[in-house]
Amino acid sequence: AKSTVYLQMNSLKLEDTAVYYCRVFSGFQNLWGQG
């Protein structure tokens, strides 16, 4: 309903440090976020 994808991250570790990107498949579209 909100056209939103989530990632809940718990117990974060030092090695989780990164740029995180989402990817959405919508119809025939393959969409990437900017990070």
PDB file of all heavy atoms in Angstrom:
ATOM      1  N   ALA A   1       0.825  -1.212   0.000  1.00  0.00           N
ATOM      2  CA  ALA A   1       0.000   0.000   0.000  1.00  0.00           C
ATOM      3  C   ALA A   1       0.858   1.260   0.000  1.00  0.00           C
ATOM      4  O   ALA A   1       0.454   2.299  -0.534  1.00  0.00           O
ATOM      5  CB  ALA A   1      -0.931  -0.002   1.202  1.00  0.00           C
ATOM      6  N   LYS A   2       2.035   1.165   0.591  1.00  0.00           N
ATOM      7  CA  LYS A   2       2.936   2.321   0.652  1.00  0.00           C
ATOM      8  C   LYS A   2       4.054   2.247  -0.393  1.00  0.00           C
ATOM      9  O   LYS A   2       4.927   3.110  -0.413  1.00  0.00           O
ATOM     10  CB  LYS A   2       3.560   2.424   2.044  1.00  0.00           C
ATOM     11  CG  LYS A   2       2.563   2.700   3.150  1.00  0.00           C
ATOM     12  CD  LYS A   2       3.266   2.841   4.503  1.00  0.00           C
ATOM     13  CE  LYS A   2       2.266   3.157   5.609  1.00  0.00           C
ATOM     14  NZ  LYS A   2       2.940   3.273   6.931  1.00  0.00           N
ATOM     15  N   SER A   3       4.024   1.209  -1.231  1.00  0.00           N
ATOM     16  CA  SER A   3       5.083   1.018  -2.235  1.00  0.00           C
ATOM     17  C   SER A   3       6.459   1.093  -1.588  1.00  0.00           C
ATOM     18  O   SER A   3       7.365   1.781  -2.074  1.00  0.00           O
ATOM     19  CB  SER A   3       4.978   2.075  -3.342  1.00  0.00           C
ATOM     20  OG  SER A   3       3.796   1.941  -4.084  1.00  0.00           O
ATOM     21  N   THR A   4       6.619   0.397  -0.483  1.00  0.00           N
ATOM     22  CA  THR A   4       7.855   0.500   0.295  1.00  0.00           C
ATOM     23  C   THR A   4       8.368  -0.884   0.662  1.00  0.00           C
ATOM     24  O   THR A   4       7.589  -1.766   1.021  1.00  0.00           O
ATOM     25  CB  THR A   4       7.617   1.321   1.570  1.00  0.00           C
ATOM     26  OG1 THR A   4       7.123   2.624   1.209  1.00  0.00           O
ATOM     27  CG2 THR A   4       8.908   1.491   2.357  1.00  0.00           C
ATOM     28  N   VAL A   5       9.689  -0.997   0.581  1.00  0.00           N
ATOM     29  CA  VAL A   5      10.387  -2.194   1.032  1.00  0.00           C
ATOM     30  C   VAL A   5      11.250  -1.795   2.231  1.00  0.00           C
ATOM     31  O   VAL A   5      11.846  -0.719   2.240  1.00  0.00           O
ATOM     32  CB  VAL A   5      11.275  -2.769  -0.094  1.00  0.00           C
ATOM     33  CG1 VAL A   5      12.041  -3.984   0.393  1.00  0.00           C
ATOM     34  CG2 VAL A   5      10.420  -3.122  -1.311  1.00  0.00           C
ATOM     35  N   TYR A   6      11.287  -2.657   3.216  1.00  0.00           N
ATOM     36  CA  TYR A   6      12.031  -2.370   4.441  1.00  0.00           C
ATOM     37  C   TYR A   6      13.133  -3.394   4.668  1.00  0.00           C
ATOM     38  O   TYR A   6      13.052  -4.528   4.201  1.00  0.00           O
ATOM     39  CB  TYR A   6      11.099  -2.391   5.653  1.00  0.00           C
ATOM     40  CG  TYR A   6       9.960  -1.416   5.593  1.00  0.00           C
ATOM     41  CD1 TYR A   6       8.684  -1.819   5.207  1.00  0.00           C
ATOM     42  CD2 TYR A   6      10.144  -0.077   5.925  1.00  0.00           C
ATOM     43  CE1 TYR A   6       7.631  -0.927   5.145  1.00  0.00           C
ATOM     44  CE2 TYR A   6       9.095   0.829   5.873  1.00  0.00           C
ATOM     45  CZ  TYR A   6       7.839   0.395   5.479  1.00  0.00           C
ATOM     46  OH  TYR A   6       6.802   1.295   5.421  1.00  0.00           O
ATOM     47  N   LEU A   7      14.135  -2.955   5.440  1.00  0.00           N
ATOM     48  CA  LEU A   7      15.140  -3.884   5.945  1.00  0.00           C
ATOM     49  C   LEU A   7      15.373  -3.529   7.411  1.00  0.00           C
ATOM     50  O   LEU A   7      15.938  -2.474   7.713  1.00  0.00           O
ATOM     51  CB  LEU A   7      16.446  -3.793   5.163  1.00  0.00           C
ATOM     52  CG  LEU A   7      17.507  -4.809   5.594  1.00  0.00           C
ATOM     53  CD1 LEU A   7      17.061  -6.232   5.222  1.00  0.00           C
ATOM     54  CD2 LEU A   7      18.858  -4.502   4.952  1.00  0.00           C
ATOM     55  N   GLN A   8      14.877  -4.382   8.289  1.00  0.00           N
ATOM     56  CA  GLN A   8      15.118  -4.210   9.722  1.00  0.00           C
ATOM     57  C   GLN A   8      16.428  -4.883  10.059  1.00  0.00           C
ATOM     58  O   GLN A   8      16.604  -6.072   9.797  1.00  0.00           O
ATOM     59  CB  GLN A   8      13.973  -4.823  10.525  1.00  0.00           C
ATOM     60  CG  GLN A   8      14.154  -4.733  12.028  1.00  0.00           C
ATOM     61  CD  GLN A   8      14.104  -3.315  12.543  1.00  0.00           C
ATOM     62  OE1 GLN A   8      13.263  -2.518  12.131  1.00  0.00           O
ATOM     63  NE2 GLN A   8      15.028  -2.972  13.439  1.00  0.00           N
ATOM     64  N   MET A   9      17.334  -4.118  10.645  1.00  0.00           N
ATOM     65  CA  MET A   9      18.666  -4.626  10.965  1.00  0.00           C
ATOM     66  C   MET A   9      18.880  -4.536  12.467  1.00  0.00           C
ATOM     67  O   MET A   9      18.879  -3.438  13.027  1.00  0.00           O
ATOM     68  CB  MET A   9      19.735  -3.823  10.225  1.00  0.00           C
ATOM     69  CG  MET A   9      19.510  -3.744   8.715  1.00  0.00           C
ATOM     70  SD  MET A   9      20.870  -2.966   7.839  1.00  0.00           S
ATOM     71  CE  MET A   9      20.752  -1.297   8.472  1.00  0.00           C
ATOM     72  N   ASN A  10      19.049  -5.668  13.102  1.00  0.00           N
ATOM     73  CA  ASN A  10      19.288  -5.730  14.538  1.00  0.00           C
ATOM     74  C   ASN A  10      20.659  -6.303  14.831  1.00  0.00           C
ATOM     75  O   ASN A  10      21.277  -6.915  13.961  1.00  0.00           O
ATOM     76  CB  ASN A  10      18.216  -6.595  15.207  1.00  0.00           C
ATOM     77  CG  ASN A  10      16.810  -6.052  15.018  1.00  0.00           C
ATOM     78  OD1 ASN A  10      16.592  -4.845  14.953  1.00  0.00           O
ATOM     79  ND2 ASN A  10      15.829  -6.947  14.936  1.00  0.00           N
ATOM     80  N   SER A  11      21.115  -6.102  16.040  1.00  0.00           N
ATOM     81  CA  SER A  11      22.417  -6.638  16.471  1.00  0.00           C
ATOM     82  C   SER A  11      23.500  -6.315  15.448  1.00  0.00           C
ATOM     83  O   SER A  11      24.265  -7.198  15.031  1.00  0.00           O
ATOM     84  CB  SER A  11      22.313  -8.155  16.667  1.00  0.00           C
ATOM     85  OG  SER A  11      21.313  -8.475  17.613  1.00  0.00           O
ATOM     86  N   LEU A  12      23.579  -5.073  15.073  1.00  0.00           N
ATOM     87  CA  LEU A  12      24.515  -4.675  14.031  1.00  0.00           C
ATOM     88  C   LEU A  12      25.957  -4.878  14.466  1.00  0.00           C
ATOM     89  O   LEU A  12      26.312  -4.682  15.639  1.00  0.00           O
ATOM     90  CB  LEU A  12      24.267  -3.227  13.634  1.00  0.00           C
ATOM     91  CG  LEU A  12      23.044  -3.038  12.730  1.00  0.00           C
ATOM     92  CD1 LEU A  12      22.558  -1.595  12.748  1.00  0.00           C
ATOM     93  CD2 LEU A  12      23.364  -3.472  11.317  1.00  0.00           C
ATOM     94  N   LYS A  13      26.770  -5.258  13.479  1.00  0.00           N
ATOM     95  CA  LYS A  13      28.185  -5.512  13.708  1.00  0.00           C
ATOM     96  C   LYS A  13      29.017  -4.536  12.877  1.00  0.00           C
ATOM     97  O   LYS A  13      28.527  -3.960  11.906  1.00  0.00           O
ATOM     98  CB  LYS A  13      28.521  -6.954  13.302  1.00  0.00           C
ATOM     99  CG  LYS A  13      27.706  -8.020  14.011  1.00  0.00           C
ATOM    100  CD  LYS A  13      28.066  -9.401  13.486  1.00  0.00           C
ATOM    101  CE  LYS A  13      27.257 -10.487  14.193  1.00  0.00           C
ATOM    102  NZ  LYS A  13      27.606 -11.846  13.698  1.00  0.00           N
ATOM    103  N   LEU A  14      30.278  -4.407  13.262  1.00  0.00           N
ATOM    104  CA  LEU A  14      31.172  -3.515  12.521  1.00  0.00           C
ATOM    105  C   LEU A  14      31.197  -3.881  11.038  1.00  0.00           C
ATOM    106  O   LEU A  14      31.235  -2.994  10.168  1.00  0.00           O
ATOM    107  CB  LEU A  14      32.583  -3.574  13.096  1.00  0.00           C
ATOM    108  CG  LEU A  14      32.770  -3.101  14.540  1.00  0.00           C
ATOM    109  CD1 LEU A  14      34.218  -3.263  14.963  1.00  0.00           C
ATOM    110  CD2 LEU A  14      32.330  -1.660  14.707  1.00  0.00           C
ATOM    111  N   GLU A  15      31.158  -5.164  10.745  1.00  0.00           N
ATOM    112  CA  GLU A  15      31.255  -5.623   9.359  1.00  0.00           C
ATOM    113  C   GLU A  15      29.986  -5.390   8.551  1.00  0.00           C
ATOM    114  O   GLU A  15      29.953  -5.674   7.347  1.00  0.00           O
ATOM    115  CB  GLU A  15      31.633  -7.108   9.301  1.00  0.00           C
ATOM    116  CG  GLU A  15      30.745  -8.015  10.130  1.00  0.00           C
ATOM    117  CD  GLU A  15      31.339  -8.304  11.511  1.00  0.00           C
ATOM    118  OE1 GLU A  15      31.903  -7.380  12.142  1.00  0.00           O
ATOM    119  OE2 GLU A  15      31.219  -9.470  11.959  1.00  0.00           O
ATOM    120  N   ASP A  16      28.950  -4.869   9.181  1.00  0.00           N
ATOM    121  CA  ASP A  16      27.747  -4.484   8.440  1.00  0.00           C
ATOM    122  C   ASP A  16      27.885  -3.101   7.812  1.00  0.00           C
ATOM    123  O   ASP A  16      27.003  -2.668   7.058  1.00  0.00           O
ATOM    124  CB  ASP A  16      26.525  -4.508   9.358  1.00  0.00           C
ATOM    125  CG  ASP A  16      26.184  -5.897   9.855  1.00  0.00           C
ATOM    126  OD1 ASP A  16      26.272  -6.853   9.058  1.00  0.00           O
ATOM    127  OD2 ASP A  16      25.816  -6.014  11.043  1.00  0.00           O
ATOM    128  N   THR A  17      28.967  -2.409   8.120  1.00  0.00           N
ATOM    129  CA  THR A  17      29.192  -1.085   7.544  1.00  0.00           C
ATOM    130  C   THR A  17      29.303  -1.175   6.031  1.00  0.00           C
ATOM    131  O   THR A  17      30.119  -1.945   5.500  1.00  0.00           O
ATOM    132  CB  THR A  17      30.469  -0.460   8.125  1.00  0.00           C
ATOM    133  OG1 THR A  17      30.277  -0.232   9.529  1.00  0.00           O
ATOM    134  CG2 THR A  17      30.802   0.850   7.435  1.00  0.00           C
ATOM    135  N   ALA A  18      28.470  -0.405   5.329  1.00  0.00           N
ATOM    136  CA  ALA A  18      28.433  -0.459   3.860  1.00  0.00           C
ATOM    137  C   ALA A  18      27.411   0.553   3.352  1.00  0.00           C
ATOM    138  O   ALA A  18      26.645   1.126   4.141  1.00  0.00           O
ATOM    139  CB  ALA A  18      28.055  -1.852   3.386  1.00  0.00           C
ATOM    140  N   VAL A  19      27.402   0.728   2.039  1.00  0.00           N
ATOM    141  CA  VAL A  19      26.298   1.425   1.392  1.00  0.00           C
ATOM    142  C   VAL A  19      25.258   0.360   1.022  1.00  0.00           C
ATOM    143  O   VAL A  19      25.601  -0.654   0.411  1.00  0.00           O
ATOM    144  CB  VAL A  19      26.751   2.181   0.132  1.00  0.00           C
ATOM    145  CG1 VAL A  19      25.554   2.848  -0.543  1.00  0.00           C
ATOM    146  CG2 VAL A  19      27.804   3.232   0.491  1.00  0.00           C
ATOM    147  N   TYR A  20      24.028   0.602   1.430  1.00  0.00           N
ATOM    148  CA  TYR A  20      22.947  -0.350   1.196  1.00  0.00           C
ATOM    149  C   TYR A  20      22.060   0.144   0.056  1.00  0.00           C
ATOM    150  O   TYR A  20      21.646   1.310   0.036  1.00  0.00           O
ATOM    151  CB  TYR A  20      22.122  -0.537   2.462  1.00  0.00           C
ATOM    152  CG  TYR A  20      22.815  -1.401   3.494  1.00  0.00           C
ATOM    153  CD1 TYR A  20      23.925  -0.916   4.193  1.00  0.00           C
ATOM    154  CD2 TYR A  20      22.391  -2.695   3.750  1.00  0.00           C
ATOM    155  CE1 TYR A  20      24.588  -1.718   5.114  1.00  0.00           C
ATOM    156  CE2 TYR A  20      23.037  -3.502   4.673  1.00  0.00           C
ATOM    157  CZ  TYR A  20      24.132  -3.009   5.346  1.00  0.00           C
ATOM    158  OH  TYR A  20      24.783  -3.801   6.268  1.00  0.00           O
ATOM    159  N   TYR A  21      21.775  -0.760  -0.868  1.00  0.00           N
ATOM    160  CA  TYR A  21      20.985  -0.438  -2.055  1.00  0.00           C
ATOM    161  C   TYR A  21      19.730  -1.310  -2.089  1.00  0.00           C
ATOM    162  O   TYR A  21      19.801  -2.514  -1.820  1.00  0.00           O
ATOM    163  CB  TYR A  21      21.768  -0.697  -3.333  1.00  0.00           C
ATOM    164  CG  TYR A  21      23.034   0.094  -3.473  1.00  0.00           C
ATOM    165  CD1 TYR A  21      24.237  -0.379  -2.947  1.00  0.00           C
ATOM    166  CD2 TYR A  21      23.043   1.315  -4.144  1.00  0.00           C
ATOM    167  CE1 TYR A  21      25.411   0.338  -3.081  1.00  0.00           C
ATOM    168  CE2 TYR A  21      24.216   2.042  -4.290  1.00  0.00           C
ATOM    169  CZ  TYR A  21      25.386   1.547  -3.752  1.00  0.00           C
ATOM    170  OH  TYR A  21      26.542   2.269  -3.891  1.00  0.00           O
ATOM    171  N   CYS A  22      18.624  -0.713  -2.458  1.00  0.00           N
ATOM    172  CA  CYS A  22      17.432  -1.530  -2.664  1.00  0.00           C
ATOM    173  C   CYS A  22      17.244  -1.766  -4.151  1.00  0.00           C
ATOM    174  O   CYS A  22      17.695  -0.990  -4.994  1.00  0.00           O
ATOM    175  CB  CYS A  22      16.187  -0.890  -2.060  1.00  0.00           C
ATOM    176  SG  CYS A  22      15.563   0.554  -2.922  1.00  0.00           S
ATOM    177  N   ARG A  23      16.564  -2.855  -4.430  1.00  0.00           N
ATOM    178  CA  ARG A  23      16.255  -3.249  -5.799  1.00  0.00           C
ATOM    179  C   ARG A  23      14.811  -3.722  -5.808  1.00  0.00           C
ATOM    180  O   ARG A  23      14.435  -4.552  -4.983  1.00  0.00           O
ATOM    181  CB  ARG A  23      17.169  -4.373  -6.251  1.00  0.00           C
ATOM    182  CG  ARG A  23      17.025  -4.796  -7.709  1.00  0.00           C
ATOM    183  CD  ARG A  23      17.977  -5.941  -8.014  1.00  0.00           C
ATOM    184  NE  ARG A  23      18.014  -6.262  -9.438  1.00  0.00           N
ATOM    185  CZ  ARG A  23      18.718  -7.280  -9.942  1.00  0.00           C
ATOM    186  NH1 ARG A  23      19.434  -8.064  -9.141  1.00  0.00           N
ATOM    187  NH2 ARG A  23      18.711  -7.496 -11.226  1.00  0.00           N
ATOM    188  N   VAL A  24      14.025  -3.182  -6.728  1.00  0.00           N
ATOM    189  CA  VAL A  24      12.609  -3.511  -6.801  1.00  0.00           C
ATOM    190  C   VAL A  24      12.275  -3.993  -8.204  1.00  0.00           C
ATOM    191  O   VAL A  24      12.647  -3.357  -9.190  1.00  0.00           O
ATOM    192  CB  VAL A  24      11.744  -2.284  -6.440  1.00  0.00           C
ATOM    193  CG1 VAL A  24      10.263  -2.597  -6.646  1.00  0.00           C
ATOM    194  CG2 VAL A  24      12.002  -1.837  -5.018  1.00  0.00           C
ATOM    195  N   PHE A  25      11.579  -5.102  -8.271  1.00  0.00           N
ATOM    196  CA  PHE A  25      11.059  -5.606  -9.535  1.00  0.00           C
ATOM    197  C   PHE A  25       9.583  -5.232  -9.577  1.00  0.00           C
ATOM    198  O   PHE A  25       8.783  -5.724  -8.775  1.00  0.00           O
ATOM    199  CB  PHE A  25      11.237  -7.112  -9.642  1.00  0.00           C
ATOM    200  CG  PHE A  25      12.674  -7.543  -9.674  1.00  0.00           C
ATOM    201  CD1 PHE A  25      13.338  -7.856  -8.499  1.00  0.00           C
ATOM    202  CD2 PHE A  25      13.370  -7.610 -10.872  1.00  0.00           C
ATOM    203  CE1 PHE A  25      14.676  -8.253  -8.524  1.00  0.00           C
ATOM    204  CE2 PHE A  25      14.698  -8.005 -10.906  1.00  0.00           C
ATOM    205  CZ  PHE A  25      15.352  -8.319  -9.721  1.00  0.00           C
ATOM    206  N   SER A  26       9.266  -4.352 -10.513  1.00  0.00           N
ATOM    207  CA  SER A  26       7.899  -3.848 -10.646  1.00  0.00           C
ATOM    208  C   SER A  26       7.450  -4.048 -12.076  1.00  0.00           C
ATOM    209  O   SER A  26       7.930  -3.362 -12.980  1.00  0.00           O
ATOM    210  CB  SER A  26       7.860  -2.366 -10.265  1.00  0.00           C
ATOM    211  OG  SER A  26       6.555  -1.842 -10.414  1.00  0.00           O
ATOM    212  N   GLY A  27       6.550  -4.980 -12.294  1.00  0.00           N
ATOM    213  CA  GLY A  27       6.179  -5.302 -13.664  1.00  0.00           C
ATOM    214  C   GLY A  27       7.398  -5.816 -14.411  1.00  0.00           C
ATOM    215  O   GLY A  27       8.057  -6.757 -13.973  1.00  0.00           O
ATOM    216  N   PHE A  28       7.733  -5.171 -15.522  1.00  0.00           N
ATOM    217  CA  PHE A  28       8.921  -5.541 -16.287  1.00  0.00           C
ATOM    218  C   PHE A  28      10.129  -4.674 -15.935  1.00  0.00           C
ATOM    219  O   PHE A  28      11.172  -4.779 -16.572  1.00  0.00           O
ATOM    220  CB  PHE A  28       8.626  -5.435 -17.786  1.00  0.00           C
ATOM    221  CG  PHE A  28       7.589  -6.405 -18.258  1.00  0.00           C
ATOM    222  CD1 PHE A  28       6.296  -5.996 -18.543  1.00  0.00           C
ATOM    223  CD2 PHE A  28       7.898  -7.762 -18.389  1.00  0.00           C
ATOM    224  CE1 PHE A  28       5.333  -6.896 -18.963  1.00  0.00           C
ATOM    225  CE2 PHE A  28       6.947  -8.661 -18.804  1.00  0.00           C
ATOM    226  CZ  PHE A  28       5.660  -8.233 -19.092  1.00  0.00           C
ATOM    227  N   GLN A  29       9.965  -3.832 -14.922  1.00  0.00           N
ATOM    228  CA  GLN A  29      11.038  -2.917 -14.556  1.00  0.00           C
ATOM    229  C   GLN A  29      11.916  -3.491 -13.445  1.00  0.00           C
ATOM    230  O   GLN A  29      11.423  -4.112 -12.512  1.00  0.00           O
ATOM    231  CB  GLN A  29      10.453  -1.582 -14.081  1.00  0.00           C
ATOM    232  CG  GLN A  29       9.657  -0.836 -15.143  1.00  0.00           C
ATOM    233  CD  GLN A  29       9.171   0.493 -14.629  1.00  0.00           C
ATOM    234  OE1 GLN A  29       9.846   1.504 -14.777  1.00  0.00           O
ATOM    235  NE2 GLN A  29       8.025   0.480 -13.996  1.00  0.00           N
ATOM    236  N   ASN A  30      13.189  -3.244 -13.555  1.00  0.00           N
ATOM    237  CA  ASN A  30      14.196  -3.641 -12.575  1.00  0.00           C
ATOM    238  C   ASN A  30      14.804  -2.342 -12.054  1.00  0.00           C
ATOM    239  O   ASN A  30      15.613  -1.717 -12.735  1.00  0.00           O
ATOM    240  CB  ASN A  30      15.232  -4.528 -13.253  1.00  0.00           C
ATOM    241  CG  ASN A  30      16.366  -4.934 -12.337  1.00  0.00           C
ATOM    242  OD1 ASN A  30      16.348  -4.657 -11.138  1.00  0.00           O
ATOM    243  ND2 ASN A  30      17.360  -5.579 -12.896  1.00  0.00           N
ATOM    244  N   LEU A  31      14.373  -1.922 -10.884  1.00  0.00           N
ATOM    245  CA  LEU A  31      14.684  -0.578 -10.386  1.00  0.00           C
ATOM    246  C   LEU A  31      15.682  -0.626  -9.235  1.00  0.00           C
ATOM    247  O   LEU A  31      15.515  -1.406  -8.299  1.00  0.00           O
ATOM    248  CB  LEU A  31      13.394   0.112  -9.910  1.00  0.00           C
ATOM    249  CG  LEU A  31      12.248   0.131 -10.933  1.00  0.00           C
ATOM    250  CD1 LEU A  31      10.966   0.649 -10.276  1.00  0.00           C
ATOM    251  CD2 LEU A  31      12.622   0.970 -12.138  1.00  0.00           C
ATOM    252  N   TRP A  32      16.681   0.244  -9.292  1.00  0.00           N
ATOM    253  CA  TRP A  32      17.691   0.355  -8.234  1.00  0.00           C
ATOM    254  C   TRP A  32      17.607   1.718  -7.571  1.00  0.00           C
ATOM    255  O   TRP A  32      17.416   2.740  -8.243  1.00  0.00           O
ATOM    256  CB  TRP A  32      19.089   0.190  -8.822  1.00  0.00           C
ATOM    257  CG  TRP A  32      19.461  -1.208  -9.179  1.00  0.00           C
ATOM    258  CD1 TRP A  32      19.245  -1.841 -10.371  1.00  0.00           C
ATOM    259  CD2 TRP A  32      20.154  -2.157  -8.341  1.00  0.00           C
ATOM    260  NE1 TRP A  32      19.754  -3.127 -10.327  1.00  0.00           N
ATOM    261  CE2 TRP A  32      20.316  -3.334  -9.100  1.00  0.00           C
ATOM    262  CE3 TRP A  32      20.649  -2.129  -7.043  1.00  0.00           C
ATOM    263  CZ2 TRP A  32      20.947  -4.471  -8.587  1.00  0.00           C
ATOM    264  CZ3 TRP A  32      21.284  -3.254  -6.534  1.00  0.00           C
ATOM    265  CH2 TRP A  32      21.420  -4.410  -7.300  1.00  0.00           C
ATOM    266  N   GLY A  33      17.805   1.727  -6.274  1.00  0.00           N
ATOM    267  CA  GLY A  33      17.931   2.987  -5.550  1.00  0.00           C
ATOM    268  C   GLY A  33      19.368   3.488  -5.618  1.00  0.00           C
ATOM    269  O   GLY A  33      20.265   2.819  -6.135  1.00  0.00           O
ATOM    270  N   GLN A  34      19.567   4.689  -5.043  1.00  0.00           N
ATOM    271  CA  GLN A  34      20.885   5.328  -5.129  1.00  0.00           C
ATOM    272  C   GLN A  34      21.805   4.937  -3.962  1.00  0.00           C
ATOM    273  O   GLN A  34      22.987   5.247  -3.986  1.00  0.00           O
ATOM    274  CB  GLN A  34      20.728   6.845  -5.188  1.00  0.00           C
ATOM    275  CG  GLN A  34      20.554   7.531  -3.829  1.00  0.00           C
ATOM    276  CD  GLN A  34      19.234   7.233  -3.158  1.00  0.00           C
ATOM    277  OE1 GLN A  34      18.303   6.712  -3.775  1.00  0.00           O
ATOM    278  NE2 GLN A  34      19.128   7.541  -1.868  1.00  0.00           N
ATOM    279  N   GLY A  35      21.245   4.290  -2.964  1.00  0.00           N
ATOM    280  CA  GLY A  35      22.052   3.829  -1.838  1.00  0.00           C
ATOM    281  C   GLY A  35      21.944   4.716  -0.612  1.00  0.00           C
ATOM    282  O   GLY A  35      21.715   5.923  -0.713  1.00  0.00           O
TER     283      GLY A  35
END
